[in-house]
Amino acid sequence: MLSPHALLSVDDVCYITYLTTFQPTIGYLLFHQINQREGTMYWFVNKSMRSILYYTLIKPDTATWIGVLEIVTDANLNVTISPVIGFVVEKFSFVLAWVIVEIQDLLLEQYSLCHTTLGQDRVRHVAELERQIKDFLSGILNGTNRLPLETHERARVSLLDLIQLTVLTAPSPD
C-alpha cells in the first residue's frame, strides 16, 4: 500500500498540517475560510467542515451519520422522527475531533493507529481534541476566548449561523 506521503506533495502535507494544527485564539484553520489575497479569515464558513457536520449529524441515510434519532408522537398519534439537535457544541466537537485525528493519521501519518478497530489510542486522541475543540467553541459562545470584542462578536455570530444552518434548519450544504 502506498503511503499518503507518496501521493501528496510537500506543499500539500504542509498545508494539511497547517489546517489541522490547533491555535488557541482561532481553533483549527480547517473550521474557517481563508482568503490569502485579502489577508482575511471568515469564521466557521469552510464548506468542507459544514458538509462533514451536515452528513455526520443531520443526514441519517448516509454512511457517515452518527446522530441520534428523536421519535415524537403528538396527541393524534402522528409520529415524527428527526435527528436530535441538542448538545450541539458537544456533537460538533466530537465530529471535528474525529475528522482531525483521521486526517492527521491517514494523511500525515502522525499516529499509526489501527484502522480496523476503534482502539484505545484513537479514542484517547479523539477525546483530547474533543475537549480542546469544545473549550474553544464554548469560549466563542460565552465570550471567554480572549479575542478583541469586535472579532469575538464576528466569530460568535458566525458560529451561531453555523449551528443554525447545520443543525437547526438542516439544509443540505451541497
N, C-alpha and C. Protein backbone atom coordinates (compact mmCIF):
# COMPACT_ATOMS: atom_id res chain seq x y z
N MET A 1 0.83 -1.18 0.00
CA MET A 1 0.00 0.00 0.00
C MET A 1 0.88 1.24 0.00
N LEU A 2 0.55 2.22 -0.85
CA LEU A 2 1.31 3.46 -0.92
C LEU A 2 1.05 4.32 0.31
N SER A 3 2.11 4.95 0.76
CA SER A 3 1.98 5.92 1.84
C SER A 3 1.30 7.17 1.28
N PRO A 4 0.45 7.83 2.09
CA PRO A 4 -0.15 9.09 1.62
C PRO A 4 0.92 10.11 1.23
N HIS A 5 2.08 10.03 1.89
CA HIS A 5 3.16 10.95 1.56
C HIS A 5 3.67 10.74 0.14
N ALA A 6 3.49 9.53 -0.38
CA ALA A 6 3.88 9.27 -1.77
C ALA A 6 2.90 9.92 -2.74
N LEU A 7 1.69 10.18 -2.28
CA LEU A 7 0.65 10.77 -3.13
C LEU A 7 0.53 12.28 -2.96
N LEU A 8 1.02 12.81 -1.86
CA LEU A 8 0.89 14.23 -1.56
C LEU A 8 2.23 14.93 -1.75
N SER A 9 2.17 16.15 -2.24
CA SER A 9 3.40 16.93 -2.36
C SER A 9 3.79 17.45 -0.97
N VAL A 10 5.00 17.93 -0.87
CA VAL A 10 5.46 18.53 0.38
C VAL A 10 4.57 19.71 0.74
N ASP A 11 4.18 20.50 -0.27
CA ASP A 11 3.29 21.64 -0.03
C ASP A 11 1.93 21.18 0.49
N ASP A 12 1.40 20.06 -0.06
CA ASP A 12 0.12 19.52 0.42
C ASP A 12 0.22 19.13 1.88
N VAL A 13 1.28 18.43 2.24
CA VAL A 13 1.47 17.99 3.63
C VAL A 13 1.59 19.20 4.54
N CYS A 14 2.33 20.21 4.13
CA CYS A 14 2.47 21.43 4.94
C CYS A 14 1.11 22.12 5.12
N TYR A 15 0.33 22.20 4.05
CA TYR A 15 -0.97 22.86 4.12
C TYR A 15 -1.95 22.08 5.01
N ILE A 16 -1.98 20.77 4.87
CA ILE A 16 -2.85 19.94 5.72
C ILE A 16 -2.44 20.07 7.17
N THR A 17 -1.14 20.07 7.42
CA THR A 17 -0.64 20.25 8.79
C THR A 17 -1.08 21.61 9.33
N TYR A 18 -0.97 22.64 8.51
CA TYR A 18 -1.38 24.00 8.88
C TYR A 18 -2.87 24.03 9.24
N LEU A 19 -3.71 23.37 8.44
CA LEU A 19 -5.15 23.36 8.70
C LEU A 19 -5.53 22.57 9.94
N THR A 20 -4.71 21.59 10.32
CA THR A 20 -5.06 20.69 11.43
C THR A 20 -4.18 20.90 12.66
N THR A 21 -3.60 22.08 12.78
CA THR A 21 -2.82 22.44 13.97
C THR A 21 -3.63 23.43 14.78
N PHE A 22 -3.88 23.11 16.03
CA PHE A 22 -4.72 23.96 16.89
C PHE A 22 -4.00 25.25 17.24
N GLN A 23 -4.73 26.35 17.17
CA GLN A 23 -4.24 27.66 17.60
C GLN A 23 -5.27 28.19 18.60
N PRO A 24 -4.84 28.53 19.81
CA PRO A 24 -5.78 28.87 20.88
C PRO A 24 -6.80 29.96 20.54
N THR A 25 -6.45 30.95 19.77
CA THR A 25 -7.40 32.03 19.52
C THR A 25 -8.35 31.75 18.36
N ILE A 26 -7.96 30.90 17.42
CA ILE A 26 -8.83 30.66 16.26
C ILE A 26 -9.19 29.19 16.08
N GLY A 27 -8.72 28.32 16.95
CA GLY A 27 -9.03 26.89 16.81
C GLY A 27 -8.23 26.29 15.68
N TYR A 28 -8.89 25.53 14.83
CA TYR A 28 -8.25 24.91 13.67
C TYR A 28 -8.64 25.71 12.44
N LEU A 29 -7.67 26.00 11.59
CA LEU A 29 -7.98 26.73 10.36
C LEU A 29 -8.95 25.94 9.48
N LEU A 30 -9.03 24.65 9.67
CA LEU A 30 -9.98 23.81 8.95
C LEU A 30 -11.42 24.30 9.15
N PHE A 31 -11.68 25.01 10.25
CA PHE A 31 -13.02 25.50 10.55
C PHE A 31 -13.40 26.71 9.70
N HIS A 32 -12.42 27.43 9.22
CA HIS A 32 -12.65 28.76 8.65
C HIS A 32 -12.31 28.81 7.17
N GLN A 33 -12.70 29.89 6.53
CA GLN A 33 -12.33 30.15 5.14
C GLN A 33 -11.27 31.24 5.15
N ILE A 34 -10.15 30.98 4.52
CA ILE A 34 -9.05 31.92 4.48
C ILE A 34 -8.96 32.51 3.07
N ASN A 35 -8.91 33.82 2.98
CA ASN A 35 -8.67 34.49 1.71
C ASN A 35 -7.28 35.09 1.79
N GLN A 36 -6.30 34.37 1.24
CA GLN A 36 -4.92 34.81 1.37
C GLN A 36 -4.65 36.10 0.61
N ARG A 37 -5.34 36.31 -0.52
CA ARG A 37 -5.14 37.56 -1.27
C ARG A 37 -5.56 38.76 -0.45
N GLU A 38 -6.69 38.65 0.24
CA GLU A 38 -7.17 39.76 1.06
C GLU A 38 -6.53 39.77 2.45
N GLY A 39 -5.96 38.65 2.84
CA GLY A 39 -5.41 38.53 4.19
C GLY A 39 -6.49 38.50 5.25
N THR A 40 -7.62 37.87 4.91
CA THR A 40 -8.74 37.82 5.85
C THR A 40 -9.15 36.38 6.13
N MET A 41 -9.80 36.21 7.27
CA MET A 41 -10.32 34.91 7.67
C MET A 41 -11.81 35.08 7.96
N TYR A 42 -12.62 34.20 7.41
CA TYR A 42 -14.05 34.22 7.67
C TYR A 42 -14.36 33.05 8.61
N TRP A 43 -14.85 33.38 9.78
CA TRP A 43 -15.06 32.41 10.85
C TRP A 43 -16.12 31.38 10.48
N PHE A 44 -15.80 30.11 10.67
CA PHE A 44 -16.74 28.98 10.61
C PHE A 44 -17.53 28.87 9.31
N VAL A 45 -16.92 29.17 8.18
CA VAL A 45 -17.63 29.06 6.91
C VAL A 45 -16.98 28.07 5.94
N ASN A 46 -16.01 27.29 6.38
CA ASN A 46 -15.37 26.32 5.50
C ASN A 46 -16.41 25.32 5.01
N LYS A 47 -16.58 25.23 3.70
CA LYS A 47 -17.62 24.37 3.12
C LYS A 47 -17.39 22.89 3.43
N SER A 48 -16.15 22.46 3.47
CA SER A 48 -15.87 21.05 3.79
C SER A 48 -16.30 20.73 5.21
N MET A 49 -15.99 21.64 6.14
CA MET A 49 -16.38 21.42 7.53
C MET A 49 -17.90 21.38 7.65
N ARG A 50 -18.58 22.29 6.96
CA ARG A 50 -20.04 22.31 7.01
C ARG A 50 -20.64 21.00 6.46
N SER A 51 -20.08 20.50 5.38
CA SER A 51 -20.56 19.24 4.80
C SER A 51 -20.32 18.08 5.76
N ILE A 52 -19.15 18.06 6.38
CA ILE A 52 -18.84 16.99 7.34
C ILE A 52 -19.87 17.00 8.46
N LEU A 53 -20.14 18.18 9.03
CA LEU A 53 -21.11 18.27 10.12
C LEU A 53 -22.50 17.86 9.66
N TYR A 54 -22.90 18.32 8.50
CA TYR A 54 -24.24 18.00 7.99
C TYR A 54 -24.41 16.50 7.79
N TYR A 55 -23.50 15.88 7.06
CA TYR A 55 -23.67 14.46 6.74
C TYR A 55 -23.42 13.55 7.93
N THR A 56 -22.69 14.04 8.91
CA THR A 56 -22.43 13.22 10.09
C THR A 56 -23.53 13.36 11.13
N LEU A 57 -24.08 14.54 11.27
CA LEU A 57 -25.04 14.79 12.34
C LEU A 57 -26.50 14.84 11.88
N ILE A 58 -26.76 15.22 10.67
CA ILE A 58 -28.13 15.53 10.25
C ILE A 58 -28.71 14.52 9.28
N LYS A 59 -27.94 13.96 8.41
CA LYS A 59 -28.43 13.15 7.30
C LYS A 59 -28.38 11.66 7.67
N PRO A 60 -29.45 11.12 8.28
CA PRO A 60 -29.40 9.75 8.78
C PRO A 60 -29.31 8.67 7.71
N ASP A 61 -29.52 9.00 6.45
CA ASP A 61 -29.43 7.96 5.43
C ASP A 61 -28.06 7.89 4.77
N THR A 62 -27.05 8.52 5.38
CA THR A 62 -25.70 8.42 4.84
C THR A 62 -24.86 7.51 5.71
N ALA A 63 -23.83 6.96 5.12
CA ALA A 63 -22.96 6.02 5.84
C ALA A 63 -22.18 6.70 6.95
N THR A 64 -22.01 8.00 6.88
CA THR A 64 -21.22 8.70 7.89
C THR A 64 -22.04 9.17 9.08
N TRP A 65 -23.35 8.99 9.06
CA TRP A 65 -24.21 9.53 10.10
C TRP A 65 -23.95 8.88 11.45
N ILE A 66 -23.77 9.68 12.49
CA ILE A 66 -23.59 9.14 13.84
C ILE A 66 -24.55 9.80 14.83
N GLY A 67 -25.56 10.46 14.33
CA GLY A 67 -26.51 11.15 15.20
C GLY A 67 -27.42 10.20 15.93
N VAL A 68 -28.34 10.79 16.66
CA VAL A 68 -29.34 10.04 17.42
C VAL A 68 -30.70 10.53 16.96
N LEU A 69 -31.58 9.61 16.66
CA LEU A 69 -32.93 9.99 16.23
C LEU A 69 -33.84 10.23 17.43
N GLU A 70 -34.69 11.21 17.28
CA GLU A 70 -35.70 11.52 18.28
C GLU A 70 -37.05 11.15 17.67
N ILE A 71 -37.83 10.38 18.39
CA ILE A 71 -39.15 9.97 17.92
C ILE A 71 -40.18 10.64 18.82
N VAL A 72 -41.03 11.46 18.19
CA VAL A 72 -42.03 12.22 18.94
C VAL A 72 -43.42 11.84 18.42
N THR A 73 -44.33 11.55 19.35
CA THR A 73 -45.71 11.25 19.00
C THR A 73 -46.59 12.35 19.57
N ASP A 74 -47.40 12.97 18.72
CA ASP A 74 -48.28 14.03 19.21
C ASP A 74 -49.60 13.43 19.72
N ALA A 75 -50.53 14.30 20.12
CA ALA A 75 -51.81 13.86 20.69
C ALA A 75 -52.64 13.03 19.71
N ASN A 76 -52.46 13.26 18.41
CA ASN A 76 -53.20 12.50 17.39
C ASN A 76 -52.46 11.23 16.96
N LEU A 77 -51.43 10.87 17.70
CA LEU A 77 -50.60 9.70 17.43
C LEU A 77 -49.84 9.78 16.10
N ASN A 78 -49.60 11.00 15.64
CA ASN A 78 -48.73 11.20 14.49
C ASN A 78 -47.29 11.12 14.96
N VAL A 79 -46.49 10.36 14.27
CA VAL A 79 -45.10 10.15 14.68
C VAL A 79 -44.18 10.99 13.80
N THR A 80 -43.27 11.69 14.46
CA THR A 80 -42.25 12.47 13.76
C THR A 80 -40.90 11.93 14.19
N ILE A 81 -40.06 11.63 13.21
CA ILE A 81 -38.71 11.16 13.50
C ILE A 81 -37.75 12.17 12.92
N SER A 82 -36.82 12.64 13.76
CA SER A 82 -35.83 13.61 13.29
C SER A 82 -34.56 13.47 14.13
N PRO A 83 -33.45 13.98 13.59
CA PRO A 83 -32.22 13.95 14.38
C PRO A 83 -32.35 14.82 15.63
N VAL A 84 -31.76 14.37 16.72
CA VAL A 84 -31.73 15.17 17.94
C VAL A 84 -30.79 16.34 17.70
N ILE A 85 -31.22 17.53 18.07
CA ILE A 85 -30.39 18.70 17.79
C ILE A 85 -29.79 19.31 19.05
N GLY A 86 -30.02 18.72 20.19
CA GLY A 86 -29.42 19.23 21.41
C GLY A 86 -27.94 18.93 21.49
N PHE A 87 -27.27 19.51 22.44
CA PHE A 87 -25.85 19.26 22.69
C PHE A 87 -25.01 19.55 21.46
N VAL A 88 -25.28 20.66 20.80
CA VAL A 88 -24.63 20.99 19.54
C VAL A 88 -23.12 21.10 19.70
N VAL A 89 -22.66 21.84 20.69
CA VAL A 89 -21.22 22.03 20.85
C VAL A 89 -20.53 20.69 21.08
N GLU A 90 -21.13 19.83 21.87
CA GLU A 90 -20.54 18.51 22.13
C GLU A 90 -20.48 17.68 20.85
N LYS A 91 -21.55 17.70 20.07
CA LYS A 91 -21.57 16.93 18.82
C LYS A 91 -20.56 17.49 17.82
N PHE A 92 -20.55 18.80 17.63
CA PHE A 92 -19.59 19.41 16.72
C PHE A 92 -18.17 19.03 17.16
N SER A 93 -17.91 19.16 18.45
CA SER A 93 -16.56 18.88 18.97
C SER A 93 -16.15 17.45 18.69
N PHE A 94 -17.05 16.51 18.93
CA PHE A 94 -16.73 15.11 18.70
C PHE A 94 -16.46 14.83 17.22
N VAL A 95 -17.35 15.29 16.35
CA VAL A 95 -17.20 15.03 14.92
C VAL A 95 -15.92 15.66 14.39
N LEU A 96 -15.68 16.92 14.73
CA LEU A 96 -14.49 17.60 14.22
C LEU A 96 -13.21 16.99 14.78
N ALA A 97 -13.24 16.58 16.05
CA ALA A 97 -12.06 15.92 16.63
C ALA A 97 -11.78 14.61 15.89
N TRP A 98 -12.83 13.85 15.62
CA TRP A 98 -12.66 12.57 14.92
C TRP A 98 -12.06 12.80 13.53
N VAL A 99 -12.59 13.80 12.82
CA VAL A 99 -12.11 14.10 11.47
C VAL A 99 -10.64 14.53 11.51
N ILE A 100 -10.29 15.39 12.44
CA ILE A 100 -8.91 15.86 12.53
C ILE A 100 -7.96 14.72 12.86
N VAL A 101 -8.34 13.84 13.78
CA VAL A 101 -7.49 12.68 14.09
C VAL A 101 -7.34 11.80 12.86
N GLU A 102 -8.43 11.59 12.12
CA GLU A 102 -8.34 10.78 10.89
C GLU A 102 -7.41 11.43 9.86
N ILE A 103 -7.54 12.72 9.67
CA ILE A 103 -6.66 13.43 8.73
C ILE A 103 -5.21 13.32 9.17
N GLN A 104 -4.98 13.57 10.45
CA GLN A 104 -3.61 13.52 10.95
C GLN A 104 -3.03 12.12 10.86
N ASP A 105 -3.86 11.11 11.06
CA ASP A 105 -3.38 9.74 11.00
C ASP A 105 -3.21 9.24 9.57
N LEU A 106 -4.26 9.39 8.76
CA LEU A 106 -4.22 8.84 7.41
C LEU A 106 -3.34 9.64 6.46
N LEU A 107 -3.47 10.96 6.47
CA LEU A 107 -2.74 11.78 5.51
C LEU A 107 -1.36 12.19 5.99
N LEU A 108 -1.25 12.47 7.27
CA LEU A 108 0.03 12.95 7.79
C LEU A 108 0.82 11.87 8.51
N GLU A 109 0.18 10.72 8.71
CA GLU A 109 0.82 9.56 9.36
C GLU A 109 1.44 9.92 10.71
N GLN A 110 0.68 10.68 11.51
CA GLN A 110 1.19 11.12 12.79
C GLN A 110 1.05 10.07 13.90
N TYR A 111 0.09 9.17 13.78
CA TYR A 111 -0.18 8.28 14.91
C TYR A 111 0.07 6.80 14.65
N SER A 112 -0.09 6.30 13.45
CA SER A 112 -0.03 4.87 13.15
C SER A 112 -1.12 4.11 13.90
N LEU A 113 -2.33 4.60 13.82
CA LEU A 113 -3.45 3.97 14.50
C LEU A 113 -3.96 2.80 13.68
N CYS A 114 -4.54 1.83 14.37
CA CYS A 114 -5.15 0.68 13.69
C CYS A 114 -6.45 1.14 13.04
N HIS A 115 -6.67 0.78 11.78
CA HIS A 115 -7.87 1.24 11.08
C HIS A 115 -8.97 0.19 11.02
N THR A 116 -8.75 -0.95 11.67
CA THR A 116 -9.79 -1.97 11.66
C THR A 116 -10.55 -2.03 12.98
N THR A 117 -10.03 -1.40 14.02
CA THR A 117 -10.71 -1.37 15.31
C THR A 117 -10.67 0.05 15.87
N LEU A 118 -11.54 0.30 16.83
CA LEU A 118 -11.60 1.61 17.45
C LEU A 118 -10.28 1.92 18.17
N GLY A 119 -9.85 1.06 19.03
CA GLY A 119 -8.55 1.18 19.69
C GLY A 119 -8.46 2.30 20.72
N GLN A 120 -7.71 2.02 21.79
CA GLN A 120 -7.54 2.99 22.87
C GLN A 120 -6.83 4.26 22.42
N ASP A 121 -5.82 4.11 21.56
CA ASP A 121 -5.07 5.30 21.12
C ASP A 121 -5.95 6.26 20.35
N ARG A 122 -6.76 5.73 19.44
CA ARG A 122 -7.65 6.59 18.65
C ARG A 122 -8.65 7.29 19.58
N VAL A 123 -9.24 6.55 20.49
CA VAL A 123 -10.21 7.11 21.43
C VAL A 123 -9.54 8.20 22.27
N ARG A 124 -8.32 7.96 22.72
CA ARG A 124 -7.59 8.94 23.53
C ARG A 124 -7.32 10.22 22.73
N HIS A 125 -6.84 10.07 21.49
CA HIS A 125 -6.56 11.24 20.66
C HIS A 125 -7.84 12.03 20.36
N VAL A 126 -8.91 11.31 20.04
CA VAL A 126 -10.18 11.99 19.76
C VAL A 126 -10.67 12.71 21.02
N ALA A 127 -10.59 12.06 22.17
CA ALA A 127 -11.05 12.68 23.42
C ALA A 127 -10.25 13.95 23.75
N GLU A 128 -8.93 13.91 23.53
CA GLU A 128 -8.10 15.09 23.78
C GLU A 128 -8.51 16.26 22.88
N LEU A 129 -8.68 15.97 21.59
CA LEU A 129 -9.07 17.04 20.66
C LEU A 129 -10.50 17.50 20.90
N GLU A 130 -11.37 16.56 21.25
CA GLU A 130 -12.77 16.92 21.52
C GLU A 130 -12.85 17.92 22.68
N ARG A 131 -12.10 17.68 23.73
CA ARG A 131 -12.09 18.60 24.88
C ARG A 131 -11.56 19.97 24.45
N GLN A 132 -10.48 19.96 23.68
CA GLN A 132 -9.88 21.21 23.20
C GLN A 132 -10.85 21.99 22.31
N ILE A 133 -11.51 21.30 21.39
CA ILE A 133 -12.46 21.95 20.48
C ILE A 133 -13.69 22.44 21.25
N LYS A 134 -14.18 21.62 22.17
CA LYS A 134 -15.35 22.02 22.97
C LYS A 134 -15.04 23.28 23.77
N ASP A 135 -13.87 23.33 24.40
CA ASP A 135 -13.47 24.52 25.16
C ASP A 135 -13.38 25.73 24.23
N PHE A 136 -12.83 25.53 23.04
CA PHE A 136 -12.71 26.62 22.08
C PHE A 136 -14.08 27.13 21.65
N LEU A 137 -14.97 26.22 21.22
CA LEU A 137 -16.31 26.63 20.77
C LEU A 137 -17.10 27.26 21.91
N SER A 138 -17.01 26.70 23.10
CA SER A 138 -17.70 27.27 24.26
C SER A 138 -17.18 28.67 24.56
N GLY A 139 -15.87 28.86 24.43
CA GLY A 139 -15.27 30.18 24.64
C GLY A 139 -15.79 31.21 23.65
N ILE A 140 -16.00 30.76 22.41
CA ILE A 140 -16.57 31.66 21.39
C ILE A 140 -18.00 32.04 21.79
N LEU A 141 -18.77 31.06 22.23
CA LEU A 141 -20.18 31.34 22.57
C LEU A 141 -20.34 32.15 23.85
N ASN A 142 -19.48 31.91 24.84
CA ASN A 142 -19.67 32.60 26.13
C ASN A 142 -18.72 33.78 26.36
N GLY A 143 -17.88 34.09 25.37
CA GLY A 143 -17.04 35.29 25.45
C GLY A 143 -15.80 35.17 26.29
N THR A 144 -15.32 33.97 26.54
CA THR A 144 -14.12 33.79 27.36
C THR A 144 -12.90 33.41 26.52
N ASN A 145 -12.90 33.74 25.25
CA ASN A 145 -11.86 33.29 24.34
C ASN A 145 -10.70 34.27 24.14
N ARG A 146 -10.71 35.39 24.81
CA ARG A 146 -9.63 36.38 24.76
C ARG A 146 -9.45 37.04 23.39
N LEU A 147 -10.46 37.05 22.58
CA LEU A 147 -10.41 37.77 21.31
C LEU A 147 -10.82 39.21 21.53
N PRO A 148 -10.34 40.12 20.70
CA PRO A 148 -10.86 41.50 20.78
C PRO A 148 -12.38 41.48 20.59
N LEU A 149 -13.05 42.41 21.21
CA LEU A 149 -14.52 42.42 21.24
C LEU A 149 -15.14 42.31 19.85
N GLU A 150 -14.68 43.09 18.90
CA GLU A 150 -15.26 43.08 17.56
C GLU A 150 -15.03 41.72 16.88
N THR A 151 -13.83 41.19 17.01
CA THR A 151 -13.51 39.88 16.43
C THR A 151 -14.33 38.79 17.09
N HIS A 152 -14.45 38.87 18.42
CA HIS A 152 -15.24 37.88 19.15
C HIS A 152 -16.68 37.87 18.66
N GLU A 153 -17.25 39.05 18.46
CA GLU A 153 -18.64 39.12 18.04
C GLU A 153 -18.81 38.51 16.64
N ARG A 154 -17.88 38.78 15.73
CA ARG A 154 -17.95 38.17 14.38
C ARG A 154 -17.86 36.66 14.49
N ALA A 155 -16.94 36.17 15.32
CA ALA A 155 -16.77 34.73 15.49
C ALA A 155 -18.03 34.11 16.10
N ARG A 156 -18.59 34.76 17.11
CA ARG A 156 -19.79 34.23 17.77
C ARG A 156 -20.97 34.19 16.81
N VAL A 157 -21.19 35.25 16.07
CA VAL A 157 -22.29 35.30 15.10
C VAL A 157 -22.09 34.21 14.03
N SER A 158 -20.88 34.05 13.55
CA SER A 158 -20.61 33.02 12.53
C SER A 158 -20.83 31.61 13.08
N LEU A 159 -20.43 31.39 14.34
CA LEU A 159 -20.66 30.07 14.94
C LEU A 159 -22.15 29.83 15.13
N LEU A 160 -22.88 30.82 15.58
CA LEU A 160 -24.33 30.67 15.72
C LEU A 160 -24.99 30.43 14.36
N ASP A 161 -24.50 31.10 13.32
CA ASP A 161 -25.00 30.85 11.96
C ASP A 161 -24.73 29.41 11.55
N LEU A 162 -23.53 28.93 11.85
CA LEU A 162 -23.18 27.54 11.52
C LEU A 162 -24.11 26.57 12.23
N ILE A 163 -24.38 26.82 13.49
CA ILE A 163 -25.29 25.96 14.25
C ILE A 163 -26.68 26.01 13.62
N GLN A 164 -27.14 27.21 13.30
CA GLN A 164 -28.45 27.36 12.68
C GLN A 164 -28.52 26.64 11.33
N LEU A 165 -27.53 26.85 10.49
CA LEU A 165 -27.54 26.26 9.15
C LEU A 165 -27.32 24.76 9.16
N THR A 166 -26.44 24.31 10.04
CA THR A 166 -26.05 22.91 10.01
C THR A 166 -26.99 22.02 10.80
N VAL A 167 -27.49 22.51 11.90
CA VAL A 167 -28.23 21.64 12.80
C VAL A 167 -29.70 21.98 12.90
N LEU A 168 -30.02 23.24 13.08
CA LEU A 168 -31.40 23.57 13.38
C LEU A 168 -32.30 23.55 12.14
N THR A 169 -31.85 24.13 11.04
CA THR A 169 -32.68 24.11 9.84
C THR A 169 -32.28 22.98 8.91
N ALA A 170 -31.06 22.53 9.01
CA ALA A 170 -30.54 21.37 8.31
C ALA A 170 -30.74 21.35 6.79
N PRO A 171 -30.42 22.44 6.11
CA PRO A 171 -30.44 22.35 4.64
C PRO A 171 -29.18 21.61 4.18
N SER A 172 -29.24 21.00 3.06
CA SER A 172 -28.06 20.35 2.52
C SER A 172 -27.03 21.42 2.13
N PRO A 173 -25.76 21.23 2.49
CA PRO A 173 -24.74 22.21 2.14
C PRO A 173 -24.36 22.15 0.67
N ASP A 174 -24.85 21.16 -0.07
CA ASP A 174 -24.47 21.00 -1.48
C ASP A 174 -25.27 21.88 -2.40
